[in-house]
Amino acid sequence: MAATWIRAIWILSVIVLVIGSVLVSSRIANAPVEPVPQTAPATFMFEIRDTEAERKQGLSGRTDVPSNYGMLFVFPEKTVPGFWMKDMHVSIDMIWLSDDGTILGIEDSVSPSTYPRTFVPPEPVRYVLETRAGEARAQGWTVGATVDLPD
């Protein structure tokens, strides 16, 4: 009779262990999945150049232009400005913009070796954005697209 009790207790223990394992694995399988943090796209930073002296200096002399950054040349009215690569140490993109930020033209990866050549927009512009070489492509900007200009 003792052997029967021992066998019954042993079988009951095995059943409890199996049921416990099933419940735990079920709870793990149904546990909420923690979302993986997503890296937000970097905010594009503008450095404003709105005086004659500031526009004349531009990016001249800089040895690096960071990603997601641009120097925005602001003109008081539409004009056809000429830009060149005097005293530049890095290649840049020149992006010609209308009053509302519509891209009218892009000079891609302009090299310092192009100096003294002058680059002009395809039509009068209100803004010119200079960025690191390839930034227009990286941002997905093409002629006709709109750049969100700072207020």
C-alpha atoms as a PDB file:
ATOM      1  CA  MET A   1       0.000   0.000   0.000  1.00  0.00           C
ATOM      2  CA  ALA A   2       2.880   2.397   0.740  1.00  0.00           C
ATOM      3  CA  ALA A   3       4.292   1.700  -2.694  1.00  0.00           C
ATOM      4  CA  THR A   4       0.959   2.676  -4.258  1.00  0.00           C
ATOM      5  CA  TRP A   5       0.959   5.966  -2.356  1.00  0.00           C
ATOM      6  CA  ILE A   6       4.534   6.707  -3.377  1.00  0.00           C
ATOM      7  CA  ARG A   7       3.722   5.944  -7.016  1.00  0.00           C
ATOM      8  CA  ALA A   8       0.592   8.159  -6.850  1.00  0.00           C
ATOM      9  CA  ILE A   9       2.554  11.033  -5.289  1.00  0.00           C
ATOM     10  CA  TRP A  10       5.273  10.614  -7.911  1.00  0.00           C
ATOM     11  CA  ILE A  11       2.741  10.649 -10.775  1.00  0.00           C
ATOM     12  CA  LEU A  12       0.969  13.662  -9.242  1.00  0.00           C
ATOM     13  CA  SER A  13       4.338  15.480  -8.931  1.00  0.00           C
ATOM     14  CA  VAL A  14       5.132  14.802 -12.577  1.00  0.00           C
ATOM     15  CA  ILE A  15       1.692  16.065 -13.624  1.00  0.00           C
ATOM     16  CA  VAL A  16       2.148  19.258 -11.535  1.00  0.00           C
ATOM     17  CA  LEU A  17       5.593  19.853 -13.081  1.00  0.00           C
ATOM     18  CA  VAL A  18       4.279  19.346 -16.624  1.00  0.00           C
ATOM     19  CA  ILE A  19       1.295  21.652 -16.058  1.00  0.00           C
ATOM     20  CA  GLY A  20       3.563  24.259 -14.421  1.00  0.00           C
ATOM     21  CA  SER A  21       5.979  24.132 -17.371  1.00  0.00           C
ATOM     22  CA  VAL A  22       3.155  24.561 -19.858  1.00  0.00           C
ATOM     23  CA  LEU A  23       1.754  27.542 -17.944  1.00  0.00           C
ATOM     24  CA  VAL A  24       5.146  29.241 -17.664  1.00  0.00           C
ATOM     25  CA  SER A  25       6.017  28.727 -21.339  1.00  0.00           C
ATOM     26  CA  SER A  26       2.545  29.929 -22.317  1.00  0.00           C
ATOM     27  CA  ARG A  27       2.984  33.051 -20.219  1.00  0.00           C
ATOM     28  CA  ILE A  28       6.401  33.696 -21.819  1.00  0.00           C
ATOM     29  CA  ALA A  29       4.986  33.165 -25.316  1.00  0.00           C
ATOM     30  CA  ASN A  30       2.151  35.613 -24.619  1.00  0.00           C
ATOM     31  CA  ALA A  31       4.300  38.189 -22.849  1.00  0.00           C
ATOM     32  CA  PRO A  32       4.210  41.619 -24.481  1.00  0.00           C
ATOM     33  CA  VAL A  33       7.158  42.277 -26.759  1.00  0.00           C
ATOM     34  CA  GLU A  34       9.122  45.363 -25.807  1.00  0.00           C
ATOM     35  CA  PRO A  35       9.451  47.701 -28.804  1.00  0.00           C
ATOM     36  CA  VAL A  36      12.946  48.272 -30.099  1.00  0.00           C
ATOM     37  CA  PRO A  37      13.806  51.962 -29.791  1.00  0.00           C
ATOM     38  CA  GLN A  38      13.980  53.570 -33.229  1.00  0.00           C
ATOM     39  CA  THR A  39      16.532  56.217 -33.992  1.00  0.00           C
ATOM     40  CA  ALA A  40      14.697  59.355 -35.008  1.00  0.00           C
ATOM     41  CA  PRO A  41      15.945  61.001 -38.179  1.00  0.00           C
ATOM     42  CA  ALA A  42      18.382  63.731 -37.377  1.00  0.00           C
ATOM     43  CA  THR A  43      16.992  67.239 -37.496  1.00  0.00           C
ATOM     44  CA  PHE A  44      18.422  69.325 -40.308  1.00  0.00           C
ATOM     45  CA  MET A  45      20.223  72.344 -38.872  1.00  0.00           C
ATOM     46  CA  PHE A  46      20.470  75.673 -40.688  1.00  0.00           C
ATOM     47  CA  GLU A  47      23.094  78.363 -40.178  1.00  0.00           C
ATOM     48  CA  ILE A  48      21.592  81.580 -41.515  1.00  0.00           C
ATOM     49  CA  ARG A  49      23.636  84.068 -43.539  1.00  0.00           C
ATOM     50  CA  ASP A  50      21.567  87.176 -44.238  1.00  0.00           C
ATOM     51  CA  THR A  51      24.036  90.047 -44.378  1.00  0.00           C
ATOM     52  CA  GLU A  52      26.374  90.885 -47.237  1.00  0.00           C
ATOM     53  CA  ALA A  53      29.468  90.213 -45.093  1.00  0.00           C
ATOM     54  CA  GLU A  54      28.123  86.856 -43.849  1.00  0.00           C
ATOM     55  CA  ARG A  55      27.150  85.755 -47.350  1.00  0.00           C
ATOM     56  CA  LYS A  56      30.588  86.733 -48.659  1.00  0.00           C
ATOM     57  CA  GLN A  57      32.346  84.576 -46.010  1.00  0.00           C
ATOM     58  CA  GLY A  58      30.036  81.566 -46.401  1.00  0.00           C
ATOM     59  CA  LEU A  59      31.705  78.216 -45.750  1.00  0.00           C
ATOM     60  CA  SER A  60      35.148  79.490 -46.833  1.00  0.00           C
ATOM     61  CA  GLY A  61      37.986  78.171 -44.704  1.00  0.00           C
ATOM     62  CA  ARG A  62      36.058  75.279 -43.129  1.00  0.00           C
ATOM     63  CA  THR A  63      37.622  71.851 -43.268  1.00  0.00           C
ATOM     64  CA  ASP A  64      34.441  69.923 -42.484  1.00  0.00           C
ATOM     65  CA  VAL A  65      30.736  70.322 -43.132  1.00  0.00           C
ATOM     66  CA  PRO A  66      28.618  68.009 -40.936  1.00  0.00           C
ATOM     67  CA  SER A  67      25.694  65.845 -42.072  1.00  0.00           C
ATOM     68  CA  ASN A  68      22.185  67.252 -41.662  1.00  0.00           C
ATOM     69  CA  TYR A  69      23.599  70.777 -41.743  1.00  0.00           C
ATOM     70  CA  GLY A  70      23.442  73.589 -44.235  1.00  0.00           C
ATOM     71  CA  MET A  71      24.349  77.223 -44.519  1.00  0.00           C
ATOM     72  CA  LEU A  72      21.305  79.106 -45.763  1.00  0.00           C
ATOM     73  CA  PHE A  73      22.049  82.288 -47.698  1.00  0.00           C
ATOM     74  CA  VAL A  74      19.051  84.617 -47.449  1.00  0.00           C
ATOM     75  CA  PHE A  75      18.667  87.438 -49.961  1.00  0.00           C
ATOM     76  CA  PRO A  76      16.268  90.355 -49.417  1.00  0.00           C
ATOM     77  CA  GLU A  77      14.650  89.705 -52.792  1.00  0.00           C
ATOM     78  CA  LYS A  78      14.971  87.340 -55.739  1.00  0.00           C
ATOM     79  CA  THR A  79      18.363  87.602 -57.381  1.00  0.00           C
ATOM     80  CA  VAL A  80      20.826  85.663 -59.536  1.00  0.00           C
ATOM     81  CA  PRO A  81      23.813  85.363 -57.189  1.00  0.00           C
ATOM     82  CA  GLY A  82      27.135  83.951 -58.288  1.00  0.00           C
ATOM     83  CA  PHE A  83      28.888  81.439 -55.993  1.00  0.00           C
ATOM     84  CA  TRP A  84      32.442  80.232 -56.274  1.00  0.00           C
ATOM     85  CA  MET A  85      34.766  77.962 -54.305  1.00  0.00           C
ATOM     86  CA  LYS A  86      37.347  80.538 -53.239  1.00  0.00           C
ATOM     87  CA  ASP A  87      39.182  79.463 -50.039  1.00  0.00           C
ATOM     88  CA  MET A  88      37.096  76.275 -49.818  1.00  0.00           C
ATOM     89  CA  HIS A  89      38.701  73.093 -48.477  1.00  0.00           C
ATOM     90  CA  VAL A  90      35.823  70.638 -49.020  1.00  0.00           C
ATOM     91  CA  SER A  91      33.360  69.824 -51.773  1.00  0.00           C
ATOM     92  CA  ILE A  92      29.771  70.985 -51.264  1.00  0.00           C
ATOM     93  CA  ASP A  93      26.297  70.861 -52.766  1.00  0.00           C
ATOM     94  CA  MET A  94      24.743  74.175 -53.799  1.00  0.00           C
ATOM     95  CA  ILE A  95      20.960  74.110 -53.749  1.00  0.00           C
ATOM     96  CA  TRP A  96      19.043  76.947 -55.403  1.00  0.00           C
ATOM     97  CA  LEU A  97      15.699  77.655 -53.656  1.00  0.00           C
ATOM     98  CA  SER A  98      12.618  79.758 -54.429  1.00  0.00           C
ATOM     99  CA  ASP A  99      10.660  81.887 -51.931  1.00  0.00           C
ATOM    100  CA  ASP A 100       8.756  78.854 -50.624  1.00  0.00           C
ATOM    101  CA  GLY A 101      11.765  76.487 -50.497  1.00  0.00           C
ATOM    102  CA  THR A 102      11.124  74.747 -53.815  1.00  0.00           C
ATOM    103  CA  ILE A 103      14.372  73.422 -55.256  1.00  0.00           C
ATOM    104  CA  LEU A 104      15.051  75.116 -58.580  1.00  0.00           C
ATOM    105  CA  GLY A 105      18.465  73.557 -59.170  1.00  0.00           C
ATOM    106  CA  ILE A 106      21.246  71.560 -57.513  1.00  0.00           C
ATOM    107  CA  GLU A 107      24.983  71.750 -58.102  1.00  0.00           C
ATOM    108  CA  ASP A 108      26.113  68.358 -56.795  1.00  0.00           C
ATOM    109  CA  SER A 109      29.501  67.847 -55.118  1.00  0.00           C
ATOM    110  CA  VAL A 110      31.184  71.028 -56.317  1.00  0.00           C
ATOM    111  CA  SER A 111      34.924  70.678 -55.778  1.00  0.00           C
ATOM    112  CA  PRO A 112      37.278  73.410 -54.518  1.00  0.00           C
ATOM    113  CA  SER A 113      39.273  72.775 -57.699  1.00  0.00           C
ATOM    114  CA  THR A 114      36.497  74.468 -59.716  1.00  0.00           C
ATOM    115  CA  TYR A 115      37.660  77.895 -58.481  1.00  0.00           C
ATOM    116  CA  PRO A 116      37.492  80.496 -60.105  1.00  0.00           C
ATOM    117  CA  ARG A 117      34.429  79.164 -61.972  1.00  0.00           C
ATOM    118  CA  THR A 118      31.210  80.874 -60.840  1.00  0.00           C
ATOM    119  CA  PHE A 119      27.969  78.931 -60.312  1.00  0.00           C
ATOM    120  CA  VAL A 120      24.608  80.643 -60.828  1.00  0.00           C
ATOM    121  CA  PRO A 121      21.028  79.436 -60.357  1.00  0.00           C
ATOM    122  CA  PRO A 122      18.857  78.528 -63.352  1.00  0.00           C
ATOM    123  CA  GLU A 123      16.551  81.452 -62.468  1.00  0.00           C
ATOM    124  CA  PRO A 124      16.367  84.176 -59.792  1.00  0.00           C
ATOM    125  CA  VAL A 125      16.308  82.733 -56.254  1.00  0.00           C
ATOM    126  CA  ARG A 126      15.605  83.988 -52.770  1.00  0.00           C
ATOM    127  CA  TYR A 127      17.721  81.366 -50.968  1.00  0.00           C
ATOM    128  CA  VAL A 128      20.827  79.309 -51.563  1.00  0.00           C
ATOM    129  CA  LEU A 129      21.630  76.334 -49.357  1.00  0.00           C
ATOM    130  CA  GLU A 130      25.184  75.003 -49.134  1.00  0.00           C
ATOM    131  CA  THR A 131      25.642  71.539 -47.638  1.00  0.00           C
ATOM    132  CA  ARG A 132      28.288  68.860 -47.515  1.00  0.00           C
ATOM    133  CA  ALA A 133      28.839  67.096 -50.833  1.00  0.00           C
ATOM    134  CA  GLY A 134      26.135  64.486 -51.429  1.00  0.00           C
ATOM    135  CA  GLU A 135      23.777  65.839 -48.746  1.00  0.00           C
ATOM    136  CA  ALA A 136      21.048  66.738 -51.259  1.00  0.00           C
ATOM    137  CA  ARG A 137      21.054  63.129 -52.462  1.00  0.00           C
ATOM    138  CA  ALA A 138      21.129  61.808 -48.865  1.00  0.00           C
ATOM    139  CA  GLN A 139      18.108  63.964 -47.986  1.00  0.00           C
ATOM    140  CA  GLY A 140      16.271  62.795 -51.119  1.00  0.00           C
ATOM    141  CA  TRP A 141      16.106  66.336 -52.487  1.00  0.00           C
ATOM    142  CA  THR A 142      15.554  66.738 -56.219  1.00  0.00           C
ATOM    143  CA  VAL A 143      14.541  69.630 -58.441  1.00  0.00           C
ATOM    144  CA  GLY A 144      10.898  70.417 -57.712  1.00  0.00           C
ATOM    145  CA  ALA A 145      10.983  69.076 -54.137  1.00  0.00           C
ATOM    146  CA  THR A 146      10.548  71.472 -51.234  1.00  0.00           C
ATOM    147  CA  VAL A 147      13.018  72.069 -48.409  1.00  0.00           C
ATOM    148  CA  ASP A 148      11.421  72.928 -45.052  1.00  0.00           C
ATOM    149  CA  LEU A 149      13.024  76.298 -44.372  1.00  0.00           C
ATOM    150  CA  PRO A 150      13.461  77.630 -40.849  1.00  0.00           C
ATOM    151  CA  ASP A 151      11.067  80.330 -39.650  1.00  0.00           C
END
